[in-house]
C-alpha cells in the first residue's frame, strides 16, 4: 500500500484538483474581461439565455442554468439595478416573475460575444481541434458523473 501522507493534494486527487484549477483560472480570466463591460462572472450567462429567448421566467432561467432560486433572484436583481433587464409579474400567473432585456441589455450582446471569443481563444490557445473536442467530451462526461 502506498503512503499518501507525503503526496500533495494535486497528486492524491489529480482530476478534482485539475477541475478546480481550471475553473478558478477560467473564472478569473472571465472576470477580468467582463469587468470592462461592467459585468460580473455569471451575469453574461444569464444574458446569453435571454438573448436566445427573451422574456423568460426566473424559474425557467434557474432551471436552464442549473441555479437555485435565490441565486437567480440575486443575479436578476443586479442586472435590473444595472438597467440591463426588467422584472415584472406575468399577466397569466402573478406568482411568476418574467425577466426581459432592456435596450441596454440587448446592446451588450455583441460586446459579450467578443469577450467570450477572447476567452475561448485564450482558453484553447495551442490546442488542436481534436484536443478541444476531447476536452468538451471529457468535461461533459465528468459533469454527467457529478449530476448522476
Protein backbone atom coordinates (compact mmCIF):
# COMPACT_ATOMS: atom_id res chain seq x y z
CA UNK A 1 0.00 0.00 0.00
CA UNK A 2 1.28 3.47 -0.90
CA UNK A 3 1.75 6.07 1.85
CA UNK A 4 -0.27 9.07 0.68
CA UNK A 5 0.67 11.34 3.57
CA UNK A 6 3.64 12.67 1.60
CA UNK A 7 1.64 13.41 -1.55
CA UNK A 8 0.23 16.83 -2.37
CA UNK A 9 -3.49 17.33 -2.91
CA UNK A 10 -2.91 17.52 -6.66
CA UNK A 11 -1.14 14.13 -6.52
CA UNK A 12 -3.79 12.45 -4.34
CA UNK A 13 -6.80 13.87 -6.20
CA UNK A 14 -5.48 14.80 -9.65
CA UNK A 15 -8.78 15.05 -11.54
CA UNK A 16 -10.62 17.02 -8.87
CA UNK A 17 -7.65 19.32 -8.40
CA UNK A 18 -7.38 19.89 -12.15
CA UNK A 19 -11.10 20.69 -12.42
CA UNK A 20 -10.78 23.13 -9.54
CA UNK A 21 -7.68 24.80 -11.02
CA UNK A 22 -9.17 25.16 -14.49
CA UNK A 23 -12.45 26.53 -13.13
CA UNK A 24 -10.67 29.00 -10.86
CA UNK A 25 -8.33 30.38 -13.51
CA UNK A 26 -11.02 30.44 -16.21
CA UNK A 27 -13.39 32.35 -13.92
CA UNK A 28 -10.63 34.83 -13.01
CA UNK A 29 -9.89 35.50 -16.68
CA UNK A 30 -13.60 35.83 -17.46
CA UNK A 31 -13.98 38.27 -14.54
CA UNK A 32 -11.18 40.48 -15.80
CA UNK A 33 -12.61 40.55 -19.34
CA UNK A 34 -16.21 41.10 -18.21
CA UNK A 35 -15.21 43.86 -15.82
CA UNK A 36 -14.58 46.02 -18.89
CA UNK A 37 -18.33 45.77 -19.61
CA UNK A 38 -19.40 46.31 -16.01
CA UNK A 39 -20.48 42.68 -15.62
CA UNK A 40 -19.65 40.04 -13.04
CA UNK A 41 -18.95 36.41 -14.00
CA UNK A 42 -22.20 34.53 -14.40
CA UNK A 43 -24.24 37.57 -15.39
CA UNK A 44 -23.26 37.11 -19.01
CA UNK A 45 -24.55 33.52 -18.89
CA UNK A 46 -27.98 34.78 -17.87
CA UNK A 47 -27.84 37.44 -20.57
CA UNK A 48 -26.87 34.79 -23.14
CA UNK A 49 -30.02 32.85 -22.20
CA UNK A 50 -32.16 35.97 -22.56
CA UNK A 51 -30.58 36.85 -25.92
CA UNK A 52 -31.58 33.38 -27.10
CA UNK A 53 -35.12 33.71 -25.72
CA UNK A 54 -36.17 36.99 -24.16
CA UNK A 55 -38.98 37.21 -21.63
CA UNK A 56 -38.26 34.10 -19.56
CA UNK A 57 -39.44 33.44 -16.03
CA UNK A 58 -36.87 33.45 -13.26
CA UNK A 59 -37.76 29.81 -12.66
CA UNK A 60 -37.02 28.90 -16.30
CA UNK A 61 -33.69 30.72 -16.14
CA UNK A 62 -32.76 28.87 -12.98
CA UNK A 63 -33.67 25.51 -14.46
CA UNK A 64 -31.78 26.15 -17.70
CA UNK A 65 -28.69 27.38 -15.85
CA UNK A 66 -28.85 24.84 -13.03
CA UNK A 67 -29.10 27.56 -10.38
CA UNK A 68 -31.24 27.79 -7.27
CA UNK A 69 -33.98 30.37 -6.89
CA UNK A 70 -32.05 32.69 -4.56
CA UNK A 71 -29.02 32.81 -6.86
CA UNK A 72 -31.21 33.63 -9.86
CA UNK A 73 -33.16 36.27 -7.92
CA UNK A 74 -29.95 37.96 -6.76
CA UNK A 75 -28.42 37.94 -10.25
CA UNK A 76 -31.62 39.23 -11.87
CA UNK A 77 -31.86 41.99 -9.25
CA UNK A 78 -28.28 43.08 -10.00
CA UNK A 79 -28.94 43.05 -13.74
CA UNK A 80 -32.11 45.07 -13.19
CA UNK A 81 -30.25 47.54 -10.95
CA UNK A 82 -27.71 47.94 -13.78
CA UNK A 83 -30.55 48.70 -16.22
CA UNK A 84 -29.95 45.60 -18.34
CA UNK A 85 -33.19 43.73 -17.62
CA UNK A 86 -36.66 44.38 -16.28
CA UNK A 87 -38.70 42.19 -13.94
CA UNK A 88 -42.45 42.09 -13.99
CA UNK A 89 -45.21 39.77 -12.87
CA UNK A 90 -46.72 37.51 -15.50
CA UNK A 91 -50.11 38.57 -16.81
CA UNK A 92 -51.33 34.98 -16.58
CA UNK A 93 -49.80 33.97 -13.22
CA UNK A 94 -48.96 36.72 -10.74
CA UNK A 95 -46.62 34.33 -8.86
CA UNK A 96 -44.27 34.23 -11.86
CA UNK A 97 -41.63 36.91 -12.43
CA UNK A 98 -40.76 37.44 -16.10
CA UNK A 99 -37.30 38.75 -16.93
CA UNK A 100 -36.87 40.77 -20.13
CA UNK A 101 -33.97 42.60 -21.72
CA UNK A 102 -33.85 46.37 -21.87
CA UNK A 103 -32.38 48.09 -24.93
CA UNK A 104 -29.14 48.49 -22.90
CA UNK A 105 -29.12 44.77 -22.17
CA UNK A 106 -29.70 43.94 -25.82
CA UNK A 107 -26.88 46.28 -26.85
CA UNK A 108 -24.36 44.26 -24.79
CA UNK A 109 -24.80 41.11 -26.90
CA UNK A 110 -22.04 41.78 -29.47
CA UNK A 111 -19.69 43.02 -26.73
CA UNK A 112 -20.21 39.90 -24.61
CA UNK A 113 -19.75 37.77 -27.73
CA UNK A 114 -16.37 39.49 -28.26
CA UNK A 115 -15.39 38.84 -24.64
CA UNK A 116 -16.36 35.18 -24.95
CA UNK A 117 -14.43 34.89 -28.21
CA UNK A 118 -11.34 36.27 -26.44
CA UNK A 119 -11.95 33.92 -23.51
CA UNK A 120 -12.30 30.94 -25.85
CA UNK A 121 -9.16 31.96 -27.74
CA UNK A 122 -7.07 32.27 -24.57
CA UNK A 123 -8.51 29.08 -23.09
CA UNK A 124 -7.79 26.93 -26.12
CA UNK A 125 -4.54 28.50 -27.36
CA UNK A 126 -2.20 25.78 -28.52
CA UNK A 127 -4.91 23.10 -28.61
CA UNK A 128 -5.84 21.41 -31.85
CA UNK A 129 -9.42 20.75 -32.92
CA UNK A 130 -9.20 17.15 -31.74
CA UNK A 131 -7.94 18.20 -28.30
CA UNK A 132 -10.73 20.76 -27.99
CA UNK A 133 -13.38 18.20 -28.91
CA UNK A 134 -11.88 15.66 -26.49
CA UNK A 135 -11.84 18.23 -23.68
CA UNK A 136 -15.51 19.08 -24.25
CA UNK A 137 -16.46 15.38 -24.32
CA UNK A 138 -14.49 14.67 -21.15
CA UNK A 139 -15.89 17.71 -19.35
CA UNK A 140 -19.45 16.64 -20.27
CA UNK A 141 -18.78 13.11 -19.03
CA UNK A 142 -17.45 14.49 -15.73
CA UNK A 143 -20.48 16.75 -15.40
CA UNK A 144 -22.81 13.79 -16.03
CA UNK A 145 -20.98 11.76 -13.39
CA UNK A 146 -21.35 14.56 -10.85
CA UNK A 147 -25.03 15.16 -11.70
CA UNK A 148 -25.79 11.44 -11.92
